[in-house]
Amino acid sequence: MTKLKPVLGRGLASLIPRPVSIAPVPQRSEQIDDGTSIEVITNVEIDRISRNPYQPRADFDPVALDELRQSIQEKGVIQPITVRRIEGGFQLISGERRVRAAREAGLVRIPAYVIRVENDEEMLELALIENLQREHLNPIEVGISYRRLIDECSLTQEQVAQRIGKDRTTITNVLRLLKLPESIQTAVRRNEITSGHARALVAIEDVALQLGIFERIRNKDLSVREVEKLVRGKTRHKSRHSAGTRIAATDSAVASIEERLRQMLGTKVQIKPSQGGAGEIVIEYYSSGDLERLLEIFEGMQERPYL
């Protein structure tokens, strides 16, 4: 798989001018864009700003947007948006909420930090990482952003973790939410259930069972602890009645080995013992980039046989 050029990985710092914030600029004394400057804060016409095609946010809270509009009407735009120059205008990198609210507030221009972006791949990474670090994305939007960084920017989970300042286990756990049925993912996006509920449901492999418990969560307003207890009960029941599959969840030795493998590989691992001491180990991966990461780990083990 072809890796992107080292120019990627600038992260949030490259999107924020120093100082980070600027005072509101009265409309009658604006510093108007000169049409050529880069790495400057200037005021650009809102109508010349095109939407970011890589925007990870799909859900905009109308109440929060209206509050931002009122704030802009009273105090102006405190924090400039970030854009890059394109033919005929600008392309938004970060700040879509501010652009929408400013337009609704009746502003003609908005303060913007103009930066140089070499290619679309860098544009994608900057947009995704900036939103992950700055914006309040819901867990599903976060997971989609992680997956895009892995699939479209050819990053490993470890590299994504480094870019956004998270540990790899966090990345893996969020990616697992994307395995849930669409209806459950939609409920998470709409705050109908929490990410804690969703993480508990991921532990169940049977989709029909996932959806059944999901309906119970909504109808009976179950807490996360209640769902976790319910899931554990379903898992133990399945273990007792599935011959030749996983041994009971109470087998601490197998559970301990599974946990050690999860920590080592940074992904979900299942040990499925069978009769006679044999069995199989199932290692999950969530994208081609994740599979490549696992291959690198195994190749490293070959070079260090003492492991």
C-alpha atoms as a PDB file:
ATOM      1  CA  MET A   1       0.000   0.000   0.000  1.00  0.00           C
ATOM      2  CA  THR A   2       1.377   3.397  -0.943  1.00  0.00           C
ATOM      3  CA  LYS A   3       2.070   5.680   1.971  1.00  0.00           C
ATOM      4  CA  LEU A   4       1.463   9.398   1.798  1.00  0.00           C
ATOM      5  CA  LYS A   5       4.287  11.867   1.728  1.00  0.00           C
ATOM      6  CA  PRO A   6       5.870  12.968   5.025  1.00  0.00           C
ATOM      7  CA  VAL A   7       4.158  16.339   4.592  1.00  0.00           C
ATOM      8  CA  LEU A   8       1.128  14.811   6.326  1.00  0.00           C
ATOM      9  CA  GLY A   9       0.789  14.740  10.079  1.00  0.00           C
ATOM     10  CA  ARG A  10       0.893  18.450  10.836  1.00  0.00           C
ATOM     11  CA  GLY A  11      -2.236  18.086  12.935  1.00  0.00           C
ATOM     12  CA  LEU A  12      -4.135  20.826  14.752  1.00  0.00           C
ATOM     13  CA  ALA A  13      -1.142  23.087  15.454  1.00  0.00           C
ATOM     14  CA  SER A  14      -0.784  23.906  11.765  1.00  0.00           C
ATOM     15  CA  LEU A  15      -4.372  25.113  11.609  1.00  0.00           C
ATOM     16  CA  ILE A  16      -4.194  27.641  14.419  1.00  0.00           C
ATOM     17  CA  PRO A  17      -2.408  30.964  13.992  1.00  0.00           C
ATOM     18  CA  ARG A  18      -0.622  32.563  16.906  1.00  0.00           C
ATOM     19  CA  PRO A  19      -2.180  34.003  18.946  1.00  0.00           C
ATOM     20  CA  VAL A  20      -4.921  31.383  18.977  1.00  0.00           C
ATOM     21  CA  SER A  21      -7.747  33.901  19.208  1.00  0.00           C
ATOM     22  CA  ILE A  22      -8.226  37.411  17.946  1.00  0.00           C
ATOM     23  CA  ALA A  23     -10.485  40.205  19.085  1.00  0.00           C
ATOM     24  CA  PRO A  24     -13.664  40.850  17.101  1.00  0.00           C
ATOM     25  CA  VAL A  25     -12.975  43.021  14.089  1.00  0.00           C
ATOM     26  CA  PRO A  26     -15.571  45.755  13.399  1.00  0.00           C
ATOM     27  CA  GLN A  27     -16.995  45.334   9.907  1.00  0.00           C
ATOM     28  CA  ARG A  28     -16.207  48.914   8.876  1.00  0.00           C
ATOM     29  CA  SER A  29     -12.450  48.559   9.549  1.00  0.00           C
ATOM     30  CA  GLU A  30     -11.768  45.104   8.153  1.00  0.00           C
ATOM     31  CA  GLN A  31      -8.448  44.023   6.717  1.00  0.00           C
ATOM     32  CA  ILE A  32      -9.678  42.752   3.356  1.00  0.00           C
ATOM     33  CA  ASP A  33      -7.978  39.785   1.714  1.00  0.00           C
ATOM     34  CA  ASP A  34      -5.374  40.809  -0.888  1.00  0.00           C
ATOM     35  CA  GLY A  35      -5.968  37.688  -2.972  1.00  0.00           C
ATOM     36  CA  THR A  36      -2.482  36.179  -2.665  1.00  0.00           C
ATOM     37  CA  SER A  37      -1.158  36.058   0.899  1.00  0.00           C
ATOM     38  CA  ILE A  38      -0.645  32.741   2.717  1.00  0.00           C
ATOM     39  CA  GLU A  39      -0.270  32.066   6.454  1.00  0.00           C
ATOM     40  CA  VAL A  40      -2.175  35.253   7.346  1.00  0.00           C
ATOM     41  CA  ILE A  41      -5.403  36.159   9.113  1.00  0.00           C
ATOM     42  CA  THR A  42      -7.647  38.198   6.864  1.00  0.00           C
ATOM     43  CA  ASN A  43     -11.328  38.813   6.228  1.00  0.00           C
ATOM     44  CA  VAL A  44     -12.849  36.934   3.319  1.00  0.00           C
ATOM     45  CA  GLU A  45     -16.265  37.036   1.705  1.00  0.00           C
ATOM     46  CA  ILE A  46     -18.463  34.255   3.024  1.00  0.00           C
ATOM     47  CA  ASP A  47     -20.009  33.698  -0.417  1.00  0.00           C
ATOM     48  CA  ARG A  48     -16.551  32.837  -1.809  1.00  0.00           C
ATOM     49  CA  ILE A  49     -16.026  30.006   0.694  1.00  0.00           C
ATOM     50  CA  SER A  50     -16.878  26.524  -0.577  1.00  0.00           C
ATOM     51  CA  ARG A  51     -17.770  23.699   1.795  1.00  0.00           C
ATOM     52  CA  ASN A  52     -15.151  21.232   2.973  1.00  0.00           C
ATOM     53  CA  PRO A  53     -15.794  17.968   1.081  1.00  0.00           C
ATOM     54  CA  TYR A  54     -14.003  16.065   3.860  1.00  0.00           C
ATOM     55  CA  GLN A  55     -16.113  17.431   6.716  1.00  0.00           C
ATOM     56  CA  PRO A  56     -16.610  14.539   9.176  1.00  0.00           C
ATOM     57  CA  ARG A  57     -19.475  16.216  11.023  1.00  0.00           C
ATOM     58  CA  ALA A  58     -22.861  15.183   9.671  1.00  0.00           C
ATOM     59  CA  ASP A  59     -25.078  16.364  12.531  1.00  0.00           C
ATOM     60  CA  PHE A  60     -25.360  20.040  13.476  1.00  0.00           C
ATOM     61  CA  ASP A  61     -27.399  20.870  16.582  1.00  0.00           C
ATOM     62  CA  PRO A  62     -29.805  23.646  15.504  1.00  0.00           C
ATOM     63  CA  VAL A  63     -30.098  24.992  19.061  1.00  0.00           C
ATOM     64  CA  ALA A  64     -26.311  25.271  19.478  1.00  0.00           C
ATOM     65  CA  LEU A  65     -26.063  26.817  16.016  1.00  0.00           C
ATOM     66  CA  ASP A  66     -28.633  29.475  16.932  1.00  0.00           C
ATOM     67  CA  GLU A  67     -26.761  30.246  20.152  1.00  0.00           C
ATOM     68  CA  LEU A  68     -23.570  30.717  18.142  1.00  0.00           C
ATOM     69  CA  ARG A  69     -25.432  33.023  15.731  1.00  0.00           C
ATOM     70  CA  GLN A  70     -26.591  35.195  18.636  1.00  0.00           C
ATOM     71  CA  SER A  71     -23.056  35.307  20.042  1.00  0.00           C
ATOM     72  CA  ILE A  72     -21.666  36.392  16.674  1.00  0.00           C
ATOM     73  CA  GLN A  73     -24.289  39.119  16.375  1.00  0.00           C
ATOM     74  CA  GLU A  74     -23.293  40.475  19.775  1.00  0.00           C
ATOM     75  CA  LYS A  75     -19.504  39.979  19.813  1.00  0.00           C
ATOM     76  CA  GLY A  76     -18.413  39.091  16.279  1.00  0.00           C
ATOM     77  CA  VAL A  77     -16.388  36.033  15.252  1.00  0.00           C
ATOM     78  CA  ILE A  78     -13.774  35.552  17.990  1.00  0.00           C
ATOM     79  CA  GLN A  79     -11.870  32.622  16.473  1.00  0.00           C
ATOM     80  CA  PRO A  80     -11.031  32.739  12.749  1.00  0.00           C
ATOM     81  CA  ILE A  81     -11.950  29.831  10.517  1.00  0.00           C
ATOM     82  CA  THR A  82      -9.236  28.054   8.522  1.00  0.00           C
ATOM     83  CA  VAL A  83      -9.256  27.952   4.712  1.00  0.00           C
ATOM     84  CA  ARG A  84      -7.053  27.227   1.730  1.00  0.00           C
ATOM     85  CA  ARG A  85      -7.009  29.148  -1.531  1.00  0.00           C
ATOM     86  CA  ILE A  86      -8.621  27.572  -4.578  1.00  0.00           C
ATOM     87  CA  GLU A  87      -9.436  28.989  -7.980  1.00  0.00           C
ATOM     88  CA  GLY A  88     -12.106  31.650  -7.583  1.00  0.00           C
ATOM     89  CA  GLY A  89     -12.135  31.683  -3.791  1.00  0.00           C
ATOM     90  CA  PHE A  90     -11.469  29.508  -0.764  1.00  0.00           C
ATOM     91  CA  GLN A  91     -12.155  26.003   0.492  1.00  0.00           C
ATOM     92  CA  LEU A  92     -13.054  25.552   4.140  1.00  0.00           C
ATOM     93  CA  ILE A  93     -10.785  23.381   6.272  1.00  0.00           C
ATOM     94  CA  SER A  94     -12.321  24.022   9.691  1.00  0.00           C
ATOM     95  CA  GLY A  95     -15.085  26.190  11.065  1.00  0.00           C
ATOM     96  CA  GLU A  96     -18.263  25.155   9.254  1.00  0.00           C
ATOM     97  CA  ARG A  97     -20.424  25.954  12.286  1.00  0.00           C
ATOM     98  CA  ARG A  98     -18.947  29.461  12.439  1.00  0.00           C
ATOM     99  CA  VAL A  99     -19.539  29.982   8.707  1.00  0.00           C
ATOM    100  CA  ARG A 100     -23.161  28.846   8.954  1.00  0.00           C
ATOM    101  CA  ALA A 101     -23.837  30.972  12.030  1.00  0.00           C
ATOM    102  CA  ALA A 102     -22.088  34.015  10.540  1.00  0.00           C
ATOM    103  CA  ARG A 103     -24.154  33.730   7.363  1.00  0.00           C
ATOM    104  CA  GLU A 104     -27.365  33.502   9.404  1.00  0.00           C
ATOM    105  CA  ALA A 105     -26.206  36.505  11.446  1.00  0.00           C
ATOM    106  CA  GLY A 106     -26.014  38.523   8.235  1.00  0.00           C
ATOM    107  CA  LEU A 107     -22.231  38.892   8.016  1.00  0.00           C
ATOM    108  CA  VAL A 108     -20.732  39.451   4.581  1.00  0.00           C
ATOM    109  CA  ARG A 109     -17.162  38.617   5.572  1.00  0.00           C
ATOM    110  CA  ILE A 110     -15.574  36.416   8.213  1.00  0.00           C
ATOM    111  CA  PRO A 111     -12.030  36.349   9.671  1.00  0.00           C
ATOM    112  CA  ALA A 112     -10.060  33.449   8.230  1.00  0.00           C
ATOM    113  CA  TYR A 113      -6.603  31.966   8.635  1.00  0.00           C
ATOM    114  CA  VAL A 114      -5.341  31.183   5.130  1.00  0.00           C
ATOM    115  CA  ILE A 115      -2.884  28.279   4.993  1.00  0.00           C
ATOM    116  CA  ARG A 116      -1.082  26.379   2.275  1.00  0.00           C
ATOM    117  CA  VAL A 117      -2.250  22.822   1.618  1.00  0.00           C
ATOM    118  CA  GLU A 118      -0.238  20.814  -0.894  1.00  0.00           C
ATOM    119  CA  ASN A 119      -2.764  18.171  -1.953  1.00  0.00           C
ATOM    120  CA  ASP A 120      -6.173  16.660  -1.279  1.00  0.00           C
ATOM    121  CA  GLU A 121      -4.712  13.910   0.934  1.00  0.00           C
ATOM    122  CA  GLU A 122      -3.223  16.519   3.258  1.00  0.00           C
ATOM    123  CA  MET A 123      -6.512  18.428   3.149  1.00  0.00           C
ATOM    124  CA  LEU A 124      -8.361  15.311   4.273  1.00  0.00           C
ATOM    125  CA  GLU A 125      -6.009  14.615   7.153  1.00  0.00           C
ATOM    126  CA  LEU A 126      -6.036  18.222   8.368  1.00  0.00           C
ATOM    127  CA  ALA A 127      -9.829  18.403   8.248  1.00  0.00           C
ATOM    128  CA  LEU A 128     -10.342  15.107  10.072  1.00  0.00           C
ATOM    129  CA  ILE A 129      -7.738  15.658  12.764  1.00  0.00           C
ATOM    130  CA  GLU A 130      -8.818  19.239  13.388  1.00  0.00           C
ATOM    131  CA  ASN A 131     -12.404  18.150  13.939  1.00  0.00           C
ATOM    132  CA  LEU A 132     -11.374  15.227  16.136  1.00  0.00           C
ATOM    133  CA  GLN A 133      -9.298  17.477  18.380  1.00  0.00           C
ATOM    134  CA  ARG A 134     -11.506  20.547  18.462  1.00  0.00           C
ATOM    135  CA  GLU A 135     -15.132  19.683  17.730  1.00  0.00           C
ATOM    136  CA  HIS A 136     -17.704  17.717  19.741  1.00  0.00           C
ATOM    137  CA  LEU A 137     -18.301  14.874  17.319  1.00  0.00           C
ATOM    138  CA  ASN A 138     -20.569  12.012  18.322  1.00  0.00           C
ATOM    139  CA  PRO A 139     -18.910   8.563  18.729  1.00  0.00           C
ATOM    140  CA  ILE A 140     -20.048   7.324  15.313  1.00  0.00           C
ATOM    141  CA  GLU A 141     -18.652  10.399  13.542  1.00  0.00           C
ATOM    142  CA  VAL A 142     -15.411   9.883  15.460  1.00  0.00           C
ATOM    143  CA  GLY A 143     -15.264   6.248  14.348  1.00  0.00           C
ATOM    144  CA  ILE A 144     -15.905   7.187  10.719  1.00  0.00           C
ATOM    145  CA  SER A 145     -13.130   9.787  10.948  1.00  0.00           C
ATOM    146  CA  TYR A 146     -10.704   7.205  12.353  1.00  0.00           C
ATOM    147  CA  ARG A 147     -11.583   4.786   9.566  1.00  0.00           C
ATOM    148  CA  ARG A 148     -11.081   7.444   6.883  1.00  0.00           C
ATOM    149  CA  LEU A 149      -7.669   8.323   8.308  1.00  0.00           C
ATOM    150  CA  ILE A 150      -6.733   4.619   8.159  1.00  0.00           C
ATOM    151  CA  ASP A 151      -8.242   3.821   4.753  1.00  0.00           C
ATOM    152  CA  GLU A 152      -7.773   7.069   2.816  1.00  0.00           C
ATOM    153  CA  CYS A 153      -4.622   8.454   4.444  1.00  0.00           C
ATOM    154  CA  SER A 154      -2.942   5.037   4.810  1.00  0.00           C
ATOM    155  CA  LEU A 155      -2.339   5.520   8.528  1.00  0.00           C
ATOM    156  CA  THR A 156      -2.117   2.703  11.060  1.00  0.00           C
ATOM    157  CA  GLN A 157      -4.136   2.776  14.275  1.00  0.00           C
ATOM    158  CA  GLU A 158      -0.926   3.634  16.105  1.00  0.00           C
ATOM    159  CA  GLN A 159      -0.307   6.616  13.824  1.00  0.00           C
ATOM    160  CA  VAL A 160      -3.887   7.830  14.240  1.00  0.00           C
ATOM    161  CA  ALA A 161      -3.462   7.598  18.011  1.00  0.00           C
ATOM    162  CA  GLN A 162      -0.276   9.672  17.823  1.00  0.00           C
ATOM    163  CA  ARG A 163      -1.894  12.309  15.582  1.00  0.00           C
ATOM    164  CA  ILE A 164      -4.802  12.979  17.915  1.00  0.00           C
ATOM    165  CA  GLY A 165      -3.184  12.234  21.279  1.00  0.00           C
ATOM    166  CA  LYS A 166      -5.130   9.069  22.171  1.00  0.00           C
ATOM    167  CA  ASP A 167      -3.970   5.558  23.026  1.00  0.00           C
ATOM    168  CA  ARG A 168      -4.408   2.846  20.414  1.00  0.00           C
ATOM    169  CA  THR A 169      -6.919   0.915  22.498  1.00  0.00           C
ATOM    170  CA  THR A 170      -9.248   3.913  22.384  1.00  0.00           C
ATOM    171  CA  ILE A 171      -9.005   3.987  18.591  1.00  0.00           C
ATOM    172  CA  THR A 172      -9.774   0.262  18.379  1.00  0.00           C
ATOM    173  CA  ASN A 173     -12.770   0.473  20.711  1.00  0.00           C
ATOM    174  CA  VAL A 174     -14.333   3.359  18.788  1.00  0.00           C
ATOM    175  CA  LEU A 175     -13.815   1.584  15.449  1.00  0.00           C
ATOM    176  CA  ARG A 176     -15.699  -1.421  16.811  1.00  0.00           C
ATOM    177  CA  LEU A 177     -18.851   0.731  17.111  1.00  0.00           C
ATOM    178  CA  LEU A 178     -18.994   0.835  13.304  1.00  0.00           C
ATOM    179  CA  LYS A 179     -19.755  -2.912  13.334  1.00  0.00           C
ATOM    180  CA  LEU A 180     -23.134  -2.236  14.972  1.00  0.00           C
ATOM    181  CA  PRO A 181     -26.315  -2.329  12.858  1.00  0.00           C
ATOM    182  CA  GLU A 182     -27.218   0.966  11.182  1.00  0.00           C
ATOM    183  CA  SER A 183     -30.260   1.517  13.402  1.00  0.00           C
ATOM    184  CA  ILE A 184     -28.119   1.351  16.545  1.00  0.00           C
ATOM    185  CA  GLN A 185     -25.491   3.648  15.044  1.00  0.00           C
ATOM    186  CA  THR A 186     -28.233   6.143  14.192  1.00  0.00           C
ATOM    187  CA  ALA A 187     -29.501   6.020  17.771  1.00  0.00           C
ATOM    188  CA  VAL A 188     -25.998   6.847  19.041  1.00  0.00           C
ATOM    189  CA  ARG A 189     -25.745   9.788  16.623  1.00  0.00           C
ATOM    190  CA  ARG A 190     -29.088  11.121  17.852  1.00  0.00           C
ATOM    191  CA  ASN A 191     -28.156  10.665  21.529  1.00  0.00           C
ATOM    192  CA  GLU A 192     -31.008   8.188  21.962  1.00  0.00           C
ATOM    193  CA  ILE A 193     -28.517   5.809  23.594  1.00  0.00           C
ATOM    194  CA  THR A 194     -25.049   6.529  24.953  1.00  0.00           C
ATOM    195  CA  SER A 195     -21.696   5.289  23.706  1.00  0.00           C
ATOM    196  CA  GLY A 196     -21.594   3.135  26.856  1.00  0.00           C
ATOM    197  CA  HIS A 197     -24.729   1.311  25.734  1.00  0.00           C
ATOM    198  CA  ALA A 198     -23.225   0.879  22.276  1.00  0.00           C
ATOM    199  CA  ARG A 199     -19.932  -0.523  23.602  1.00  0.00           C
ATOM    200  CA  ALA A 200     -21.858  -3.089  25.633  1.00  0.00           C
ATOM    201  CA  LEU A 201     -23.824  -4.176  22.549  1.00  0.00           C
ATOM    202  CA  VAL A 202     -20.641  -4.615  20.480  1.00  0.00           C
ATOM    203  CA  ALA A 203     -19.696  -7.540  22.731  1.00  0.00           C
ATOM    204  CA  ILE A 204     -22.616  -9.519  21.232  1.00  0.00           C
ATOM    205  CA  GLU A 205     -21.974 -11.147  17.857  1.00  0.00           C
ATOM    206  CA  ASP A 206     -25.586 -12.074  17.104  1.00  0.00           C
ATOM    207  CA  VAL A 207     -27.179  -9.110  15.267  1.00  0.00           C
ATOM    208  CA  ALA A 208     -30.726 -10.213  16.123  1.00  0.00           C
ATOM    209  CA  LEU A 209     -29.782 -10.342  19.799  1.00  0.00           C
ATOM    210  CA  GLN A 210     -28.134  -6.906  19.554  1.00  0.00           C
ATOM    211  CA  LEU A 211     -31.304  -5.429  18.095  1.00  0.00           C
ATOM    212  CA  GLY A 212     -33.461  -7.146  20.701  1.00  0.00           C
ATOM    213  CA  ILE A 213     -31.472  -5.687  23.596  1.00  0.00           C
ATOM    214  CA  PHE A 214     -31.392  -2.322  21.814  1.00  0.00           C
ATOM    215  CA  GLU A 215     -35.208  -2.244  21.808  1.00  0.00           C
ATOM    216  CA  ARG A 216     -35.239  -3.088  25.510  1.00  0.00           C
ATOM    217  CA  ILE A 217     -32.859  -0.186  26.165  1.00  0.00           C
ATOM    218  CA  ARG A 218     -35.222   2.237  24.446  1.00  0.00           C
ATOM    219  CA  ASN A 219     -38.474   0.812  25.817  1.00  0.00           C
ATOM    220  CA  LYS A 220     -37.326   0.331  29.410  1.00  0.00           C
ATOM    221  CA  ASP A 221     -34.691   3.084  29.616  1.00  0.00           C
ATOM    222  CA  LEU A 222     -32.031   0.607  30.777  1.00  0.00           C
ATOM    223  CA  SER A 223     -28.827   2.003  32.272  1.00  0.00           C
ATOM    224  CA  VAL A 224     -25.403   1.053  30.932  1.00  0.00           C
ATOM    225  CA  ARG A 225     -24.802  -1.201  33.944  1.00  0.00           C
ATOM    226  CA  GLU A 226     -28.100  -2.993  33.355  1.00  0.00           C
ATOM    227  CA  VAL A 227     -27.213  -3.557  29.709  1.00  0.00           C
ATOM    228  CA  GLU A 228     -23.734  -4.849  30.601  1.00  0.00           C
ATOM    229  CA  LYS A 229     -25.283  -7.295  33.074  1.00  0.00           C
ATOM    230  CA  LEU A 230     -27.804  -8.411  30.466  1.00  0.00           C
ATOM    231  CA  VAL A 231     -25.083  -8.916  27.861  1.00  0.00           C
ATOM    232  CA  ARG A 232     -22.957 -10.962  30.285  1.00  0.00           C
ATOM    233  CA  GLY A 233     -25.933 -13.186  30.987  1.00  0.00           C
ATOM    234  CA  LYS A 234     -26.610 -13.737  27.283  1.00  0.00           C
ATOM    235  CA  THR A 235     -22.934 -14.463  26.639  1.00  0.00           C
ATOM    236  CA  ARG A 236     -22.741 -17.069  29.442  1.00  0.00           C
ATOM    237  CA  HIS A 237     -25.947 -18.700  28.224  1.00  0.00           C
ATOM    238  CA  LYS A 238     -24.562 -19.004  24.697  1.00  0.00           C
ATOM    239  CA  SER A 239     -21.304 -20.443  26.020  1.00  0.00           C
ATOM    240  CA  ARG A 240     -23.095 -23.216  27.919  1.00  0.00           C
ATOM    241  CA  HIS A 241     -25.227 -24.246  24.941  1.00  0.00           C
ATOM    242  CA  SER A 242     -22.758 -24.075  22.051  1.00  0.00           C
ATOM    243  CA  ALA A 243     -20.857 -27.352  21.830  1.00  0.00           C
ATOM    244  CA  GLY A 244     -17.346 -27.103  20.450  1.00  0.00           C
ATOM    245  CA  THR A 245     -17.240 -23.286  20.716  1.00  0.00           C
ATOM    246  CA  ARG A 246     -15.955 -20.927  23.404  1.00  0.00           C
ATOM    247  CA  ILE A 247     -15.627 -22.323  26.904  1.00  0.00           C
ATOM    248  CA  ALA A 248     -17.527 -20.611  29.683  1.00  0.00           C
ATOM    249  CA  ALA A 249     -16.694 -16.986  30.389  1.00  0.00           C
ATOM    250  CA  THR A 250     -15.717 -18.009  33.935  1.00  0.00           C
ATOM    251  CA  ASP A 251     -12.556 -19.690  32.657  1.00  0.00           C
ATOM    252  CA  SER A 252     -10.107 -17.126  34.013  1.00  0.00           C
ATOM    253  CA  ALA A 253      -7.048 -18.704  32.373  1.00  0.00           C
ATOM    254  CA  VAL A 254      -8.424 -18.323  28.844  1.00  0.00           C
ATOM    255  CA  ALA A 255      -9.764 -14.847  29.612  1.00  0.00           C
ATOM    256  CA  SER A 256      -6.344 -13.816  30.888  1.00  0.00           C
ATOM    257  CA  ILE A 257      -4.611 -15.048  27.727  1.00  0.00           C
ATOM    258  CA  GLU A 258      -7.167 -13.278  25.570  1.00  0.00           C
ATOM    259  CA  GLU A 259      -6.532 -10.032  27.420  1.00  0.00           C
ATOM    260  CA  ARG A 260      -2.765 -10.370  27.010  1.00  0.00           C
ATOM    261  CA  LEU A 261      -3.211 -10.902  23.261  1.00  0.00           C
ATOM    262  CA  ARG A 262      -5.587  -7.914  23.010  1.00  0.00           C
ATOM    263  CA  GLN A 263      -3.026  -5.691  24.687  1.00  0.00           C
ATOM    264  CA  MET A 264      -0.221  -7.019  22.480  1.00  0.00           C
ATOM    265  CA  LEU A 265      -2.123  -6.701  19.191  1.00  0.00           C
ATOM    266  CA  GLY A 266      -4.372  -3.740  19.951  1.00  0.00           C
ATOM    267  CA  THR A 267      -7.502  -5.475  18.659  1.00  0.00           C
ATOM    268  CA  LYS A 268     -10.211  -7.942  19.693  1.00  0.00           C
ATOM    269  CA  VAL A 269      -8.983 -11.540  20.127  1.00  0.00           C
ATOM    270  CA  GLN A 270     -11.063 -14.647  20.822  1.00  0.00           C
ATOM    271  CA  ILE A 271      -9.784 -18.040  21.921  1.00  0.00           C
ATOM    272  CA  LYS A 272     -12.156 -20.875  21.002  1.00  0.00           C
ATOM    273  CA  PRO A 273     -11.086 -24.120  22.699  1.00  0.00           C
ATOM    274  CA  SER A 274     -12.350 -27.448  21.398  1.00  0.00           C
ATOM    275  CA  GLN A 275     -12.033 -31.021  22.621  1.00  0.00           C
ATOM    276  CA  GLY A 276      -8.660 -32.617  23.166  1.00  0.00           C
ATOM    277  CA  GLY A 277      -6.865 -29.391  24.029  1.00  0.00           C
ATOM    278  CA  ALA A 278      -7.033 -27.992  20.483  1.00  0.00           C
ATOM    279  CA  GLY A 279      -8.837 -24.845  19.379  1.00  0.00           C
ATOM    280  CA  GLU A 280      -8.486 -21.682  17.355  1.00  0.00           C
ATOM    281  CA  ILE A 281      -7.575 -18.040  17.892  1.00  0.00           C
ATOM    282  CA  VAL A 282      -9.668 -15.412  16.070  1.00  0.00           C
ATOM    283  CA  ILE A 283      -8.020 -12.005  15.562  1.00  0.00           C
ATOM    284  CA  GLU A 284     -10.230  -9.205  14.272  1.00  0.00           C
ATOM    285  CA  TYR A 285      -9.145  -6.332  12.025  1.00  0.00           C
ATOM    286  CA  TYR A 286     -11.207  -3.366  10.861  1.00  0.00           C
ATOM    287  CA  SER A 287      -9.583  -2.152   7.647  1.00  0.00           C
ATOM    288  CA  SER A 288      -6.809  -2.937   5.191  1.00  0.00           C
ATOM    289  CA  GLY A 289      -4.572  -0.551   7.111  1.00  0.00           C
ATOM    290  CA  ASP A 290      -5.308  -2.373  10.360  1.00  0.00           C
ATOM    291  CA  LEU A 291      -4.470  -5.722   8.711  1.00  0.00           C
ATOM    292  CA  GLU A 292      -1.175  -4.263   7.549  1.00  0.00           C
ATOM    293  CA  ARG A 293      -0.466  -3.120  11.116  1.00  0.00           C
ATOM    294  CA  LEU A 294      -1.046  -6.636  12.445  1.00  0.00           C
ATOM    295  CA  LEU A 295       1.226  -8.088   9.771  1.00  0.00           C
ATOM    296  CA  GLU A 296       3.973  -5.709  10.863  1.00  0.00           C
ATOM    297  CA  ILE A 297       3.570  -6.929  14.455  1.00  0.00           C
ATOM    298  CA  PHE A 298       3.833 -10.590  13.417  1.00  0.00           C
ATOM    299  CA  GLU A 299       6.869  -9.898  11.235  1.00  0.00           C
ATOM    300  CA  GLY A 300       8.491  -8.174  14.187  1.00  0.00           C
ATOM    301  CA  MET A 301       7.887 -11.294  16.286  1.00  0.00           C
ATOM    302  CA  GLN A 302       9.728 -13.383  13.685  1.00  0.00           C
ATOM    303  CA  GLU A 303      12.732 -11.119  14.047  1.00  0.00           C
ATOM    304  CA  ARG A 304      12.600 -11.563  17.826  1.00  0.00           C
ATOM    305  CA  PRO A 305      12.105 -15.310  18.354  1.00  0.00           C
ATOM    306  CA  TYR A 306      12.550 -14.997  22.111  1.00  0.00           C
ATOM    307  CA  LEU A 307       9.048 -13.532  22.212  1.00  0.00           C
END
